[in-house]
Amino acid sequence: MLNDKKILLESNTNKQVAFEKGSGCLTQLHKQGWNILAEEVSFPIAVIKESVLQNNALWMQKFSEAANIKLAPHGKTTMSPDLFKIQLEHGCWGISLATVPQVLNAYHSGIKRIILANQLIGTYHFKLIADLLSQEGIEFYCFVDSIENIHSLGRYFSQRKLPLNILLEIGVDGGRCGWRETDDISALVDVIKQYEVLQLSGVSFYEGVIHGDNVESQVEKFVDRVSQLTNQLAKNHAFHCENIIVTGAGSAWYDVVAKQLIESLDKKINATAIIRPGCYLIHDTGIYQQAQQAVVERSQLACDISGDLISSLELWAYVQSIPEPGLAIVGLGKRDVAFDAGLPRPEYIYQAKNDRPTVVNDEWQVTKIMDQHCMLTIPKSSSLLPGDLVCFSSSHPCLTIDKWRHIGIVDENFVVRKTIATYF
């Protein structure tokens, strides 16, 4: 029991309901909900704005359809099956995940088409996935990038007499996983052919590790190289299926990847291009906001889609102390919010004497964050008092959401209408 992470919410009927940052599922609350401004929740609290959530899901689905590609968003961002289902309901092809436990959680929550966007490594993990593949209704893919792992997979799944869909992962020098020599892929393909159970289903990559000068051009060239490799493998009848999967893209270069795949893949082959952005549903006011601004600046397709992605995650916390003029100590810390890609940003304050929250300007800034507190610089003329509420946005939603076992879904009146669970 993570007592320091327990959220105690009290409904309008005075019925106390306690939940922790973790187990459970989507829960419909009392019809009146829990009003944040009326302090019917324990603080700090993380919430997602429902209208913005729906906006983001719809925007990215429109983009993928206009780009003639499919979406398999990376579920590691939220690890919330309830949010996965929203993405699928909007038309996503499937869900990508990073680890075997994440795959198992998604499957047992009803997700049936899954890409393990990683290598499947280790005998125990082989067993878990094999047991999963023994079930009906699952479509599963994993990455491979080494001769050693192909042999290990081939031997194990041959013993289990279970076919395994694999995607060749192509990498870049200095990056993460992925076979580096695209001019000599035959070594991997030849080993795959030794095992009847290994079904070569396509090619995968991740361009987000490309850095340096003229990154856009580097990404274009890399994706073109992957596409040409796919074309050649298809020409050589290396794939075990008619519909070939080609998948890449995170949240920063998905527009470039989508455009390049559609342009470079041979129209004569039956290929499905799939992108895997993970952060679009939540978005932020930091690194992904900057990335999205770059997308809109360079992509006419993105410009043509009405609206844009909007940060949907908010964190509310009490002012604990005003120990000196111009400084507020707020009860929000490293245990509650990401700080690796920028400090949380104050958006608005709420004081009981007011009807609605008040938007703050750039004079309000977090200057330091500790385990349970942050130091907030405020105007010396501010009327802020202990017990008032401050609402923050953040950068890098992955590392905020994984701190919360439950997150509230709020309406436009700051009322928590339901809760979602996360499984990290």
Protein backbone atom coordinates (compact mmCIF):
# COMPACT_ATOMS: atom_id res chain seq x y z
CA MET A 1 0.00 0.00 0.00
CA LEU A 2 1.52 3.30 -1.08
CA ASN A 3 0.07 5.41 1.68
CA ASP A 4 1.89 8.54 0.63
CA LYS A 5 0.33 8.17 -2.81
CA LYS A 6 -3.21 7.55 -1.63
CA ILE A 7 -5.83 9.94 -2.83
CA LEU A 8 -8.87 10.29 -0.60
CA LEU A 9 -11.85 11.72 -2.38
CA GLU A 10 -15.09 12.69 -0.69
CA SER A 11 -18.20 12.94 -2.85
CA ASN A 12 -21.01 15.43 -2.48
CA THR A 13 -22.98 12.81 -0.54
CA ASN A 14 -20.17 12.64 2.07
CA LYS A 15 -19.43 9.06 1.07
CA GLN A 16 -15.68 8.63 1.35
CA VAL A 17 -13.96 6.70 -1.39
CA ALA A 18 -10.23 5.98 -1.23
CA PHE A 19 -8.17 4.88 -4.17
CA GLU A 20 -4.49 4.59 -4.80
CA LYS A 21 -2.21 5.30 -7.74
CA GLY A 22 -2.61 1.96 -9.45
CA SER A 23 -5.16 -0.83 -9.49
CA GLY A 24 -8.69 -0.64 -10.77
CA CYS A 25 -10.39 0.44 -13.96
CA LEU A 26 -12.53 3.20 -15.39
CA THR A 27 -14.94 4.20 -12.65
CA GLN A 28 -18.06 6.26 -13.14
CA LEU A 29 -18.49 8.49 -10.12
CA HIS A 30 -21.54 9.83 -8.38
CA LYS A 31 -23.52 11.79 -10.95
CA GLN A 32 -22.52 15.05 -9.28
CA GLY A 33 -18.85 14.14 -9.41
CA TRP A 34 -16.11 15.64 -7.24
CA ASN A 35 -15.58 19.35 -7.58
CA ILE A 36 -11.93 20.36 -7.49
CA LEU A 37 -12.67 24.01 -6.76
CA ALA A 38 -14.92 23.03 -3.85
CA GLU A 39 -12.00 21.01 -2.44
CA GLU A 40 -13.86 17.70 -2.62
CA VAL A 41 -10.61 15.90 -3.40
CA SER A 42 -7.25 15.46 -1.73
CA PHE A 43 -4.37 17.45 -3.17
CA PRO A 44 -2.16 17.19 -5.11
CA ILE A 45 -4.27 15.56 -7.79
CA ALA A 46 -3.60 14.76 -11.45
CA VAL A 47 -6.48 15.17 -13.88
CA ILE A 48 -7.07 15.00 -17.62
CA LYS A 49 -9.49 17.32 -19.39
CA GLU A 50 -12.02 15.14 -21.19
CA SER A 51 -12.80 17.57 -24.01
CA VAL A 52 -9.11 17.97 -24.80
CA LEU A 53 -8.58 14.21 -24.66
CA GLN A 54 -11.24 13.73 -27.32
CA ASN A 55 -9.82 16.62 -29.38
CA ASN A 56 -6.34 15.08 -29.43
CA ALA A 57 -7.58 11.60 -30.32
CA LEU A 58 -9.62 12.99 -33.20
CA TRP A 59 -6.86 15.27 -34.49
CA MET A 60 -4.27 12.51 -34.77
CA GLN A 61 -6.76 10.11 -36.32
CA LYS A 62 -7.58 12.72 -38.96
CA PHE A 63 -3.88 13.19 -39.62
CA SER A 64 -3.24 9.46 -40.05
CA GLU A 65 -6.18 9.06 -42.42
CA ALA A 66 -5.12 12.07 -44.49
CA ALA A 67 -1.56 10.72 -44.62
CA ASN A 68 -2.81 7.26 -45.67
CA ILE A 69 -1.12 5.53 -42.77
CA LYS A 70 -2.23 3.59 -39.70
CA LEU A 71 -1.82 4.43 -36.01
CA ALA A 72 -0.48 2.09 -33.35
CA PRO A 73 0.17 4.63 -30.55
CA HIS A 74 2.79 3.74 -27.99
CA GLY A 75 0.92 2.78 -24.84
CA LYS A 76 3.92 3.19 -22.53
CA THR A 77 3.07 6.89 -22.22
CA THR A 78 -0.10 6.32 -20.22
CA MET A 79 -0.28 2.56 -19.54
CA SER A 80 -4.00 3.06 -19.17
CA PRO A 81 -6.19 0.52 -20.98
CA ASP A 82 -9.10 2.93 -20.72
CA LEU A 83 -7.16 5.43 -22.81
CA PHE A 84 -6.04 2.68 -25.21
CA LYS A 85 -9.70 1.91 -25.84
CA ILE A 86 -10.45 5.56 -26.59
CA GLN A 87 -7.67 5.53 -29.17
CA LEU A 88 -8.96 2.31 -30.73
CA GLU A 89 -12.52 3.65 -30.78
CA HIS A 90 -11.26 6.59 -32.83
CA GLY A 91 -9.82 4.19 -35.40
CA CYS A 92 -6.30 3.20 -34.34
CA TRP A 93 -4.97 0.01 -35.97
CA GLY A 94 -3.52 -1.32 -32.71
CA ILE A 95 -1.43 -0.45 -29.66
CA SER A 96 2.37 -0.52 -29.27
CA LEU A 97 4.01 -1.41 -25.97
CA ALA A 98 7.54 -1.59 -24.59
CA THR A 99 7.69 -4.60 -22.25
CA VAL A 100 6.16 -8.04 -21.87
CA PRO A 101 4.26 -7.11 -18.66
CA GLN A 102 2.77 -4.15 -20.54
CA VAL A 103 1.70 -6.51 -23.33
CA LEU A 104 0.05 -8.90 -20.88
CA ASN A 105 -1.77 -6.07 -19.15
CA ALA A 106 -3.08 -4.68 -22.44
CA TYR A 107 -4.21 -8.09 -23.67
CA HIS A 108 -6.05 -8.93 -20.46
CA SER A 109 -7.72 -5.51 -20.70
CA GLY A 110 -9.13 -6.40 -24.10
CA ILE A 111 -6.47 -5.15 -26.52
CA LYS A 112 -6.05 -7.79 -29.21
CA ARG A 113 -3.66 -6.28 -31.77
CA ILE A 114 -0.30 -5.46 -30.21
CA ILE A 115 3.20 -4.51 -31.34
CA LEU A 116 5.95 -5.12 -28.81
CA ALA A 117 8.11 -2.23 -30.04
CA ASN A 118 11.16 -3.91 -28.61
CA GLN A 119 13.09 -7.17 -28.73
CA LEU A 120 11.48 -10.18 -27.11
CA ILE A 121 14.35 -11.38 -24.90
CA GLY A 122 14.63 -14.12 -22.26
CA THR A 123 13.15 -17.56 -21.72
CA TYR A 124 10.57 -16.49 -19.17
CA HIS A 125 9.33 -13.76 -21.48
CA PHE A 126 9.20 -16.31 -24.31
CA LYS A 127 6.96 -18.45 -22.13
CA LEU A 128 4.65 -15.58 -21.25
CA ILE A 129 4.20 -14.58 -24.88
CA ALA A 130 3.83 -18.20 -26.00
CA ASP A 131 1.10 -18.71 -23.42
CA LEU A 132 -0.55 -15.57 -24.75
CA LEU A 133 -0.33 -16.78 -28.35
CA SER A 134 -2.04 -19.98 -27.28
CA GLN A 135 -5.14 -17.86 -26.67
CA GLU A 136 -7.53 -16.98 -29.45
CA GLY A 137 -7.96 -13.58 -30.99
CA ILE A 138 -4.50 -12.06 -30.46
CA GLU A 139 -2.41 -10.53 -33.23
CA PHE A 140 1.11 -9.96 -31.90
CA TYR A 141 4.36 -8.68 -33.38
CA CYS A 142 7.83 -8.16 -31.88
CA PHE A 143 11.14 -6.73 -33.12
CA VAL A 144 14.35 -8.64 -33.85
CA ASP A 145 17.81 -7.26 -34.63
CA SER A 146 20.33 -10.01 -33.88
CA ILE A 147 21.23 -13.49 -35.07
CA GLU A 148 21.52 -14.68 -31.47
CA ASN A 149 18.00 -13.64 -30.53
CA ILE A 150 16.53 -15.09 -33.72
CA HIS A 151 18.05 -18.46 -32.86
CA SER A 152 16.70 -18.23 -29.30
CA LEU A 153 13.22 -17.35 -30.50
CA GLY A 154 13.30 -19.97 -33.21
CA ARG A 155 14.28 -22.80 -30.87
CA TYR A 156 11.75 -21.91 -28.17
CA PHE A 157 8.74 -21.28 -30.38
CA SER A 158 9.56 -24.37 -32.44
CA GLN A 159 9.33 -26.44 -29.25
CA ARG A 160 5.98 -24.82 -28.48
CA LYS A 161 4.86 -25.24 -32.11
CA LEU A 162 3.61 -21.66 -32.16
CA PRO A 163 4.15 -19.18 -35.01
CA LEU A 164 5.64 -15.81 -34.00
CA ASN A 165 5.29 -12.65 -36.09
CA ILE A 166 8.59 -10.75 -36.17
CA LEU A 167 9.64 -7.40 -37.60
CA LEU A 168 13.25 -6.70 -38.56
CA GLU A 169 14.37 -3.65 -36.59
CA ILE A 170 16.72 -1.27 -38.38
CA GLY A 171 18.77 1.17 -36.32
CA VAL A 172 21.11 4.12 -36.70
CA ASP A 173 24.72 4.45 -35.57
CA GLY A 174 24.87 5.66 -31.99
CA GLY A 175 21.17 5.02 -31.51
CA ARG A 176 19.29 2.31 -29.66
CA CYS A 177 18.50 -1.18 -30.88
CA GLY A 178 18.35 -2.13 -34.55
CA TRP A 179 20.47 -3.84 -37.20
CA ARG A 180 22.88 -1.24 -38.57
CA GLU A 181 23.96 -2.66 -41.94
CA THR A 182 20.97 -2.33 -44.25
CA ASP A 183 23.17 -3.22 -47.23
CA ASP A 184 23.71 -6.66 -45.71
CA ILE A 185 20.49 -7.90 -44.16
CA SER A 186 20.80 -11.40 -45.59
CA ALA A 187 22.50 -12.70 -42.43
CA LEU A 188 19.33 -12.07 -40.43
CA VAL A 189 16.95 -13.23 -43.13
CA ASP A 190 18.84 -16.48 -43.68
CA VAL A 191 18.64 -17.37 -39.98
CA ILE A 192 14.91 -16.61 -39.88
CA LYS A 193 14.39 -19.03 -42.77
CA GLN A 194 15.81 -21.84 -40.63
CA TYR A 195 12.74 -21.73 -38.36
CA GLU A 196 9.33 -22.38 -39.84
CA VAL A 197 7.60 -20.81 -36.83
CA LEU A 198 9.24 -17.40 -37.33
CA GLN A 199 6.98 -15.36 -39.57
CA LEU A 200 8.85 -12.38 -41.02
CA SER A 201 6.04 -9.85 -41.22
CA GLY A 202 7.78 -6.56 -41.93
CA VAL A 203 10.33 -3.96 -40.93
CA SER A 204 10.49 -1.55 -37.98
CA PHE A 205 12.60 1.41 -36.91
CA TYR A 206 12.75 4.41 -34.57
CA GLU A 207 14.07 7.71 -35.89
CA GLY A 208 13.82 9.66 -32.61
CA VAL A 209 17.45 8.93 -31.72
CA ILE A 210 18.75 10.89 -34.72
CA HIS A 211 20.42 14.11 -33.61
CA GLY A 212 22.92 16.64 -34.88
CA ASP A 213 22.74 18.99 -37.85
CA ASN A 214 19.83 18.98 -40.30
CA VAL A 215 17.89 16.29 -38.47
CA GLU A 216 14.90 16.46 -40.82
CA SER A 217 17.07 15.55 -43.79
CA GLN A 218 18.72 12.76 -41.81
CA VAL A 219 15.32 11.34 -40.86
CA GLU A 220 14.13 11.48 -44.47
CA LYS A 221 17.22 9.63 -45.68
CA PHE A 222 16.96 7.02 -42.94
CA VAL A 223 13.29 6.32 -43.64
CA ASP A 224 13.99 6.14 -47.36
CA ARG A 225 16.75 3.62 -46.67
CA VAL A 226 14.36 1.50 -44.61
CA SER A 227 11.75 1.74 -47.36
CA GLN A 228 14.19 0.67 -50.06
CA LEU A 229 15.24 -2.27 -47.91
CA THR A 230 11.60 -3.26 -47.52
CA ASN A 231 11.07 -3.02 -51.27
CA GLN A 232 14.06 -5.26 -51.91
CA LEU A 233 13.03 -7.84 -49.31
CA ALA A 234 9.56 -7.97 -50.83
CA LYS A 235 11.05 -8.39 -54.30
CA ASN A 236 13.11 -11.31 -52.95
CA HIS A 237 9.99 -12.88 -51.37
CA ALA A 238 11.54 -12.70 -47.91
CA PHE A 239 8.29 -11.96 -46.08
CA HIS A 240 5.92 -14.65 -44.85
CA CYS A 241 2.75 -12.64 -45.42
CA GLU A 242 1.09 -10.75 -48.23
CA ASN A 243 0.43 -7.64 -46.15
CA ILE A 244 3.81 -6.29 -45.05
CA ILE A 245 4.09 -4.00 -42.01
CA VAL A 246 6.49 -1.06 -42.01
CA THR A 247 6.43 0.83 -38.72
CA GLY A 248 8.31 3.72 -37.14
CA ALA A 249 7.91 7.22 -35.73
CA GLY A 250 7.62 8.65 -32.26
CA SER A 251 5.94 11.93 -31.34
CA ALA A 252 8.46 14.32 -32.92
CA TRP A 253 8.90 13.23 -36.56
CA TYR A 254 5.72 11.32 -37.34
CA ASP A 255 4.84 13.68 -40.21
CA VAL A 256 8.20 13.24 -41.92
CA VAL A 257 8.11 9.48 -41.41
CA ALA A 258 4.58 9.17 -42.77
CA LYS A 259 5.34 11.26 -45.86
CA GLN A 260 8.59 9.46 -46.62
CA LEU A 261 7.11 5.99 -46.20
CA ILE A 262 4.24 6.73 -48.57
CA GLU A 263 6.63 8.23 -51.12
CA SER A 264 9.34 5.55 -50.92
CA LEU A 265 7.50 2.25 -50.50
CA ASP A 266 6.92 0.47 -53.79
CA LYS A 267 3.26 0.79 -54.75
CA LYS A 268 3.42 -2.73 -56.18
CA ILE A 269 3.89 -4.30 -52.76
CA ASN A 270 1.07 -4.63 -50.27
CA ALA A 271 2.53 -2.64 -47.38
CA THR A 272 0.81 -1.10 -44.36
CA ALA A 273 2.67 1.94 -43.00
CA ILE A 274 2.14 2.37 -39.26
CA ILE A 275 3.32 5.19 -37.00
CA ARG A 276 3.66 4.90 -33.22
CA PRO A 277 3.45 8.37 -31.58
CA GLY A 278 2.82 7.92 -27.87
CA CYS A 279 2.29 11.38 -26.40
CA TYR A 280 -0.30 12.98 -28.65
CA LEU A 281 -3.30 11.97 -26.57
CA ILE A 282 -2.00 13.73 -23.43
CA HIS A 283 0.41 16.19 -25.08
CA ASP A 284 2.15 18.81 -22.87
CA THR A 285 3.36 22.40 -22.61
CA GLY A 286 7.03 21.51 -23.03
CA ILE A 287 9.05 19.30 -25.34
CA TYR A 288 6.08 17.82 -27.20
CA GLN A 289 4.42 21.18 -27.63
CA GLN A 290 7.66 22.35 -29.27
CA ALA A 291 7.78 19.21 -31.41
CA GLN A 292 4.18 19.69 -32.54
CA GLN A 293 4.83 23.33 -33.43
CA ALA A 294 7.63 22.11 -35.67
CA VAL A 295 5.30 19.56 -37.26
CA VAL A 296 2.74 22.24 -38.09
CA GLU A 297 5.43 24.55 -39.48
CA ARG A 298 6.80 21.95 -41.91
CA SER A 299 3.71 19.86 -42.76
CA GLN A 300 0.99 21.29 -44.98
CA LEU A 301 -1.11 18.25 -44.20
CA ALA A 302 -0.99 19.03 -40.47
CA CYS A 303 -1.86 22.67 -41.20
CA ASP A 304 -4.89 21.62 -43.20
CA ILE A 305 -6.39 19.71 -40.28
CA SER A 306 -8.56 22.00 -38.17
CA GLY A 307 -7.42 22.57 -34.60
CA ASP A 308 -4.26 21.17 -33.06
CA LEU A 309 -3.00 19.04 -30.21
CA ILE A 310 -3.55 20.58 -26.76
CA SER A 311 -2.10 19.74 -23.36
CA SER A 312 -4.76 17.76 -21.48
CA LEU A 313 -2.97 16.93 -18.21
CA GLU A 314 -3.24 19.21 -15.18
CA LEU A 315 -1.92 18.97 -11.64
CA TRP A 316 -3.62 20.82 -8.82
CA ALA A 317 -1.96 21.53 -5.48
CA TYR A 318 -2.34 23.63 -2.35
CA VAL A 319 -0.20 26.61 -1.50
CA GLN A 320 1.50 25.43 1.68
CA SER A 321 3.27 28.59 2.73
CA ILE A 322 4.18 32.14 1.72
CA PRO A 323 7.38 32.39 3.78
CA GLU A 324 8.60 35.62 2.17
CA PRO A 325 7.32 38.18 -0.35
CA GLY A 326 7.44 36.85 -3.91
CA LEU A 327 7.81 33.18 -2.92
CA ALA A 328 5.13 30.52 -2.55
CA ILE A 329 5.78 26.96 -1.43
CA VAL A 330 3.36 24.60 -3.18
CA GLY A 331 2.62 21.00 -2.22
CA LEU A 332 3.69 19.49 -5.54
CA GLY A 333 7.02 17.74 -5.91
CA LYS A 334 9.16 15.21 -7.75
CA ARG A 335 6.90 12.44 -6.45
CA ASP A 336 3.99 13.98 -8.37
CA VAL A 337 5.21 15.53 -11.62
CA ALA A 338 7.92 15.13 -14.26
CA PHE A 339 10.94 17.39 -13.97
CA ASP A 340 13.39 15.76 -16.41
CA ALA A 341 12.38 17.88 -19.41
CA GLY A 342 11.53 21.16 -17.73
CA LEU A 343 9.87 22.19 -14.49
CA PRO A 344 6.08 22.27 -14.19
CA ARG A 345 4.46 25.48 -15.34
CA PRO A 346 1.78 27.33 -13.35
CA GLU A 347 -1.29 27.92 -15.50
CA TYR A 348 -3.85 29.44 -13.13
CA ILE A 349 -4.71 29.92 -9.47
CA TYR A 350 -7.96 29.57 -7.61
CA GLN A 351 -8.99 31.43 -4.48
CA ALA A 352 -12.28 30.69 -2.75
CA LYS A 353 -13.35 34.34 -3.00
CA ASN A 354 -13.45 34.03 -6.81
CA ASP A 355 -15.95 32.25 -9.04
CA ARG A 356 -13.38 30.83 -11.46
CA PRO A 357 -9.63 30.23 -11.63
CA THR A 358 -7.42 33.13 -12.70
CA VAL A 359 -4.84 32.72 -15.46
CA VAL A 360 -1.31 33.69 -14.41
CA ASN A 361 1.40 35.34 -16.48
CA ASP A 362 5.11 34.67 -16.95
CA GLU A 363 5.98 36.29 -13.62
CA TRP A 364 4.77 33.06 -12.03
CA GLN A 365 7.53 30.46 -12.40
CA VAL A 366 8.67 27.31 -10.64
CA THR A 367 12.35 27.77 -9.83
CA LYS A 368 13.06 24.60 -7.87
CA ILE A 369 11.35 21.31 -7.12
CA MET A 370 11.90 18.90 -4.23
CA ASP A 371 10.31 15.60 -3.20
CA GLN A 372 6.99 17.03 -2.01
CA HIS A 373 7.32 20.78 -2.61
CA CYS A 374 8.06 23.27 -5.33
CA MET A 375 9.27 26.83 -5.01
CA LEU A 376 7.04 29.16 -7.00
CA THR A 377 8.10 32.72 -7.75
CA ILE A 378 5.08 35.03 -7.65
CA PRO A 379 4.56 38.80 -7.96
CA LYS A 380 5.19 40.49 -4.62
CA SER A 381 1.83 42.19 -5.01
CA SER A 382 0.01 38.87 -5.30
CA SER A 383 -2.84 38.14 -2.89
CA LEU A 384 -2.05 34.41 -2.90
CA LEU A 385 -2.49 32.76 0.51
CA PRO A 386 -1.85 29.35 2.08
CA GLY A 387 -4.75 27.10 1.19
CA ASP A 388 -5.25 28.60 -2.27
CA LEU A 389 -4.93 26.28 -5.26
CA VAL A 390 -2.42 26.39 -8.11
CA CYS A 391 -2.90 24.42 -11.34
CA PHE A 392 0.18 23.31 -13.27
CA SER A 393 0.90 21.88 -16.69
CA SER A 394 4.05 19.85 -17.34
CA SER A 395 6.55 18.65 -19.90
CA HIS A 396 7.04 14.98 -20.85
CA PRO A 397 3.73 13.37 -19.80
CA CYS A 398 5.23 9.87 -19.62
CA LEU A 399 7.07 10.68 -16.41
CA THR A 400 4.14 12.43 -14.80
CA ILE A 401 1.50 9.81 -15.51
CA ASP A 402 3.63 6.95 -14.20
CA LYS A 403 3.58 8.59 -10.77
CA TRP A 404 -0.20 8.24 -10.47
CA ARG A 405 -2.16 5.04 -9.99
CA HIS A 406 -5.44 6.82 -10.68
CA ILE A 407 -6.11 9.97 -12.66
CA GLY A 408 -9.33 11.95 -12.73
CA ILE A 409 -11.17 12.85 -15.92
CA VAL A 410 -12.60 16.36 -15.55
CA ASP A 411 -15.20 18.40 -17.36
CA GLU A 412 -15.10 22.10 -18.22
CA ASN A 413 -16.31 22.97 -14.71
CA PHE A 414 -13.35 21.28 -13.01
CA VAL A 415 -15.50 18.39 -11.80
CA VAL A 416 -14.03 14.89 -11.75
CA ARG A 417 -16.60 12.76 -13.58
CA LYS A 418 -14.71 9.45 -13.65
CA THR A 419 -11.30 8.00 -12.95
CA ILE A 420 -8.86 5.93 -14.99
CA ALA A 421 -6.24 3.53 -13.66
CA THR A 422 -2.63 3.22 -14.81
CA TYR A 423 -0.50 0.07 -14.76
CA PHE A 424 3.23 0.81 -14.65
